[in-house]
Amino acid sequence: TLEPERRRIAQKRILIVLGFVLVFGGFIAVYNYAPPYVPYAAGICIISGLAALVSYFLTGADFEKELKSFLLQEITRFLGIEQGKSPSGNPLSLRSFQRFGILPSGNQQSLSDYFHGKQDGIEIDIADALIKHKTETRTKDGRTETSIKTLFQGPVFRFSYNRPLKGHVILVKDGGKIINFLTRDTFPGERVNLENTEFESRFEIYATDQIEARYVLTPRFMERLLGLSAYIKEKSFGLAFSNNFAYLTLNTGVDWFEPG
């Protein structure tokens, strides 16, 4: 049903791009054959470029919202989850992840695109997190320079975890000896060493209790975590278990819930 409209918008955007290409071609011709008119041609080219850019993104903006809504409804229905915040009295928050060190803190941060559902008795909460840090520095000539660095962008997950824990267990990807040494104070708890050498080479584990860490990290569960690590490859992630919940962060660098 939506495909004809998508094609129509795609054709409009192609025409917008071709129109700017023609204007830019005219500028090149003026630059080569009529140098006195180059400033006028450059002005026309810049104005046309800005107009083309705005027109490109405005064309189909409403359709993209409709498409996103349609896709998310269909996908979440298939997965057995719904768009919307958790109905429980324990809403998802960035702070619940940051206290374990698996999510950075910034002075510009937000959660959006909430989802909630239940699979095989497990409560699932998902949201898209964006964390940035804005800094302002004063230059010698009195000007203020602003820089914004993206610290995290991607989905965060919370799963109900029916193994009661008194403390917490945290897993992050192994970053090598130097990175591990520099970040060891980021994660609350003591370093845990396991007998599984492959698992040890992939993860850094911290826990408030060594026995609880082994209670959580059974051989079967370690296999599943190794599978997760192989699946997401180079992307960084963090995992924490505490207070009847498992928390997972996945730094993809993109907004997961926007249609391509």
Protein backbone atom coordinates (compact mmCIF):
# COMPACT_ATOMS: atom_id res chain seq x y z
CA THR A 1 0.00 0.00 0.00
CA LEU A 2 2.81 2.41 0.83
CA GLU A 3 5.13 1.42 -2.02
CA PRO A 4 3.62 3.68 -4.76
CA GLU A 5 3.98 6.71 -2.48
CA ARG A 6 7.57 5.75 -1.63
CA ARG A 7 8.40 5.52 -5.35
CA ARG A 8 6.79 8.91 -6.05
CA ILE A 9 8.82 10.58 -3.29
CA ALA A 10 12.01 8.87 -4.47
CA GLN A 11 11.42 10.21 -8.00
CA LYS A 12 10.86 13.74 -6.64
CA ARG A 13 14.10 13.56 -4.69
CA ILE A 14 15.98 12.37 -7.78
CA LEU A 15 14.62 15.37 -9.72
CA ILE A 16 15.73 17.72 -6.93
CA VAL A 17 19.25 16.28 -7.07
CA LEU A 18 19.35 16.46 -10.88
CA GLY A 19 18.17 20.07 -10.74
CA PHE A 20 21.03 21.02 -8.45
CA VAL A 21 23.49 19.12 -10.63
CA LEU A 22 22.37 21.25 -13.62
CA VAL A 23 22.82 24.45 -11.62
CA PHE A 24 26.27 23.31 -10.48
CA GLY A 25 27.13 22.45 -14.10
CA GLY A 26 26.15 25.99 -15.09
CA PHE A 27 28.47 27.35 -12.40
CA ILE A 28 31.36 25.27 -13.77
CA ALA A 29 30.65 26.61 -17.27
CA VAL A 30 30.64 30.22 -16.04
CA TYR A 31 33.84 29.59 -14.05
CA ASN A 32 35.61 28.34 -17.20
CA TYR A 33 34.17 30.61 -19.90
CA ALA A 34 32.87 33.79 -18.20
CA PRO A 35 35.11 34.59 -15.20
CA PRO A 36 33.61 38.07 -14.57
CA TYR A 37 30.29 36.47 -13.66
CA VAL A 38 31.71 33.88 -11.27
CA PRO A 39 30.59 35.71 -8.05
CA TYR A 40 26.99 35.89 -9.30
CA ALA A 41 27.05 32.24 -10.43
CA ALA A 42 28.55 31.17 -7.08
CA GLY A 43 25.77 32.98 -5.19
CA ILE A 44 23.09 31.33 -7.32
CA CYS A 45 24.77 27.94 -6.85
CA ILE A 46 24.92 28.29 -3.05
CA ILE A 47 21.30 29.43 -2.79
CA SER A 48 20.19 26.60 -5.08
CA GLY A 49 22.17 24.08 -3.04
CA LEU A 50 20.55 25.17 0.22
CA ALA A 51 17.10 25.15 -1.38
CA ALA A 52 17.71 21.68 -2.82
CA LEU A 53 18.88 20.37 0.56
CA VAL A 54 15.82 21.70 2.38
CA SER A 55 13.45 20.49 -0.35
CA TYR A 56 15.07 17.05 -0.36
CA PHE A 57 14.42 16.44 3.34
CA LEU A 58 11.02 18.13 3.46
CA THR A 59 9.81 16.05 0.54
CA GLY A 60 8.35 12.92 2.09
CA ALA A 61 8.97 13.92 5.73
CA ASP A 62 5.35 13.13 6.68
CA PHE A 63 5.52 9.89 4.73
CA GLU A 64 8.65 8.80 6.64
CA LYS A 65 6.80 9.31 9.93
CA GLU A 66 3.90 7.23 8.62
CA LEU A 67 6.31 4.56 7.39
CA LYS A 68 8.13 4.44 10.74
CA SER A 69 4.86 4.08 12.63
CA PHE A 70 3.67 1.32 10.30
CA LEU A 71 6.94 -0.63 10.41
CA LEU A 72 7.29 -0.44 14.18
CA GLN A 73 3.71 -1.57 14.73
CA GLU A 74 4.13 -4.57 12.45
CA ILE A 75 7.56 -5.59 13.77
CA THR A 76 6.67 -5.19 17.44
CA ARG A 77 3.42 -7.08 16.97
CA PHE A 78 5.40 -9.93 15.42
CA LEU A 79 7.85 -9.90 18.34
CA GLY A 80 5.10 -9.74 20.94
CA ILE A 81 6.01 -6.31 22.30
CA GLU A 82 4.24 -2.96 22.19
CA GLN A 83 5.39 0.59 21.70
CA GLY A 84 5.08 2.47 24.96
CA LYS A 85 6.68 2.68 28.38
CA SER A 86 6.55 -0.14 30.91
CA PRO A 87 3.23 -0.21 32.77
CA SER A 88 5.02 -1.22 35.98
CA GLY A 89 6.04 1.22 38.70
CA ASN A 90 9.71 0.81 37.76
CA PRO A 91 10.21 2.86 34.57
CA LEU A 92 13.31 2.57 32.41
CA SER A 93 15.90 5.28 33.07
CA LEU A 94 19.43 6.07 31.97
CA ARG A 95 20.50 6.23 35.59
CA SER A 96 19.63 2.56 36.11
CA PHE A 97 22.32 1.68 33.52
CA GLN A 98 24.85 4.37 34.41
CA ARG A 99 25.18 3.28 38.04
CA PHE A 100 26.87 0.08 36.81
CA GLY A 101 29.27 1.88 34.46
CA ILE A 102 27.83 0.22 31.34
CA LEU A 103 26.48 3.53 30.03
CA PRO A 104 28.39 6.85 30.02
CA SER A 105 27.02 10.10 31.44
CA GLY A 106 26.75 13.35 29.51
CA ASN A 107 25.17 16.75 29.91
CA GLN A 108 22.91 16.12 26.90
CA GLN A 109 21.10 12.80 27.09
CA SER A 110 17.71 11.37 26.19
CA LEU A 111 15.65 8.19 25.94
CA SER A 112 13.12 7.74 23.12
CA ASP A 113 11.16 5.05 21.24
CA TYR A 114 10.05 3.06 24.27
CA PHE A 115 8.91 -0.55 23.86
CA HIS A 116 7.57 -3.03 26.37
CA GLY A 117 6.61 -6.67 26.11
CA LYS A 118 6.81 -10.17 27.49
CA GLN A 119 8.39 -13.30 26.01
CA ASP A 120 8.38 -16.71 27.73
CA GLY A 121 7.62 -15.07 31.06
CA ILE A 122 10.41 -12.49 30.71
CA GLU A 123 9.46 -8.82 30.91
CA ILE A 124 11.28 -6.78 28.25
CA ASP A 125 11.83 -3.02 28.09
CA ILE A 126 13.65 -1.39 25.18
CA ALA A 127 14.47 2.23 24.38
CA ASP A 128 16.83 4.22 22.19
CA ALA A 129 19.49 6.19 24.09
CA LEU A 130 21.47 9.19 22.90
CA ILE A 131 24.15 10.62 25.18
CA LYS A 132 26.29 13.61 24.24
CA HIS A 133 28.66 15.88 26.13
CA LYS A 134 28.76 19.57 25.29
CA THR A 135 31.79 21.64 26.24
CA GLU A 136 32.40 25.35 25.83
CA THR A 137 35.88 26.83 25.89
CA ARG A 138 36.94 30.47 25.86
CA THR A 139 39.57 31.39 23.26
CA LYS A 140 42.31 33.96 23.76
CA ASP A 141 40.42 36.52 21.69
CA GLY A 142 37.33 36.18 23.92
CA ARG A 143 35.24 34.00 21.64
CA THR A 144 33.38 30.92 22.91
CA GLU A 145 33.93 27.68 21.04
CA THR A 146 31.43 24.88 21.47
CA SER A 147 32.09 21.21 20.82
CA ILE A 148 29.68 18.30 21.16
CA LYS A 149 30.90 14.71 21.42
CA THR A 150 28.58 11.72 21.09
CA LEU A 151 29.37 9.27 23.89
CA PHE A 152 26.66 6.69 23.19
CA GLN A 153 23.97 6.08 20.61
CA GLY A 154 21.99 2.88 20.39
CA PRO A 155 19.41 0.67 22.08
CA VAL A 156 19.27 -0.22 25.76
CA PHE A 157 17.42 -3.27 27.07
CA ARG A 158 16.12 -4.35 30.45
CA PHE A 159 14.96 -7.92 31.10
CA SER A 160 13.36 -9.31 34.21
CA TYR A 161 15.78 -11.76 35.82
CA ASN A 162 14.26 -14.34 38.15
CA ARG A 163 17.46 -15.24 40.01
CA PRO A 164 17.58 -13.15 43.19
CA LEU A 165 20.90 -11.35 43.71
CA LYS A 166 22.05 -9.48 46.79
CA GLY A 167 24.62 -7.49 44.80
CA HIS A 168 25.40 -7.10 41.12
CA VAL A 169 27.41 -8.72 38.34
CA ILE A 170 28.80 -6.64 35.43
CA LEU A 171 30.26 -7.74 32.10
CA VAL A 172 31.94 -5.57 29.45
CA LYS A 173 34.02 -6.40 26.42
CA ASP A 174 37.70 -6.92 27.08
CA GLY A 175 39.54 -3.82 25.83
CA GLY A 176 43.10 -5.04 26.28
CA LYS A 177 45.42 -4.59 29.24
CA ILE A 178 45.85 -0.82 28.93
CA ILE A 179 42.13 -0.01 28.46
CA ASN A 180 41.16 -2.46 31.19
CA PHE A 181 43.61 -0.82 33.59
CA LEU A 182 42.40 2.71 32.80
CA THR A 183 38.70 1.84 33.13
CA ARG A 184 38.82 -0.53 36.11
CA ASP A 185 37.43 2.14 38.48
CA THR A 186 34.42 2.74 36.18
CA PHE A 187 32.70 -0.43 37.32
CA PRO A 188 31.63 -0.96 40.94
CA GLY A 189 32.77 -4.24 42.46
CA GLU A 190 35.86 -6.42 42.35
CA ARG A 191 37.44 -8.11 39.34
CA VAL A 192 36.31 -11.72 38.83
CA ASN A 193 38.54 -14.37 37.25
CA LEU A 194 36.96 -17.46 35.72
CA GLU A 195 38.38 -20.77 34.58
CA ASN A 196 36.92 -20.45 31.06
CA THR A 197 39.89 -18.98 29.15
CA GLU A 198 37.89 -18.10 26.02
CA PHE A 199 35.33 -16.22 28.10
CA GLU A 200 38.11 -14.48 30.04
CA SER A 201 39.70 -13.33 26.77
CA ARG A 202 36.43 -11.73 25.59
CA PHE A 203 35.06 -10.15 28.77
CA GLU A 204 35.97 -8.20 31.86
CA ILE A 205 33.80 -9.26 34.82
CA TYR A 206 33.13 -7.29 38.00
CA ALA A 207 30.92 -8.29 40.91
CA THR A 208 30.14 -7.47 44.51
CA ASP A 209 30.43 -11.18 45.29
CA GLN A 210 32.59 -13.81 43.56
CA ILE A 211 30.13 -16.60 44.39
CA GLU A 212 27.18 -14.67 42.92
CA ALA A 213 29.19 -14.06 39.74
CA ARG A 214 29.62 -17.81 39.28
CA TYR A 215 25.96 -18.32 40.17
CA VAL A 216 24.99 -16.06 37.25
CA LEU A 217 27.68 -17.14 34.78
CA THR A 218 26.84 -20.80 34.33
CA PRO A 219 28.62 -22.69 31.50
CA ARG A 220 25.45 -22.57 29.38
CA PHE A 221 24.97 -18.86 29.93
CA MET A 222 28.62 -18.13 29.12
CA GLU A 223 28.09 -19.92 25.78
CA ARG A 224 25.14 -17.65 25.04
CA LEU A 225 27.15 -14.54 25.90
CA LEU A 226 29.98 -15.67 23.62
CA GLY A 227 27.38 -16.09 20.88
CA LEU A 228 26.11 -12.56 21.53
CA SER A 229 29.65 -11.18 21.39
CA ALA A 230 30.27 -12.93 18.05
CA TYR A 231 26.96 -11.67 16.67
CA ILE A 232 27.52 -7.98 17.39
CA LYS A 233 31.22 -8.21 16.46
CA GLU A 234 33.16 -4.98 17.00
CA LYS A 235 30.33 -3.02 18.63
CA SER A 236 30.80 -2.34 22.32
CA PHE A 237 28.21 -3.45 24.84
CA GLY A 238 27.72 -3.74 28.56
CA LEU A 239 25.69 -6.15 30.65
CA ALA A 240 24.71 -5.97 34.32
CA PHE A 241 22.60 -8.14 36.63
CA SER A 242 21.02 -6.61 39.72
CA ASN A 243 17.71 -6.33 41.61
CA ASN A 244 15.88 -8.97 39.55
CA PHE A 245 16.84 -7.30 36.27
CA ALA A 246 19.41 -7.77 33.52
CA TYR A 247 20.55 -4.57 31.80
CA LEU A 248 22.08 -4.56 28.30
CA THR A 249 23.52 -1.61 26.35
CA LEU A 250 24.56 -1.79 22.70
CA ASN A 251 26.53 1.14 21.28
CA THR A 252 25.65 0.93 17.57
CA GLY A 253 26.30 4.58 16.72
CA VAL A 254 22.94 4.88 14.92
CA ASP A 255 19.28 5.36 15.77
CA TRP A 256 17.95 1.80 15.67
CA PHE A 257 14.32 2.75 15.29
CA GLU A 258 14.38 4.88 12.14
CA PRO A 259 13.48 3.40 8.73
CA GLY A 260 16.28 3.37 6.19
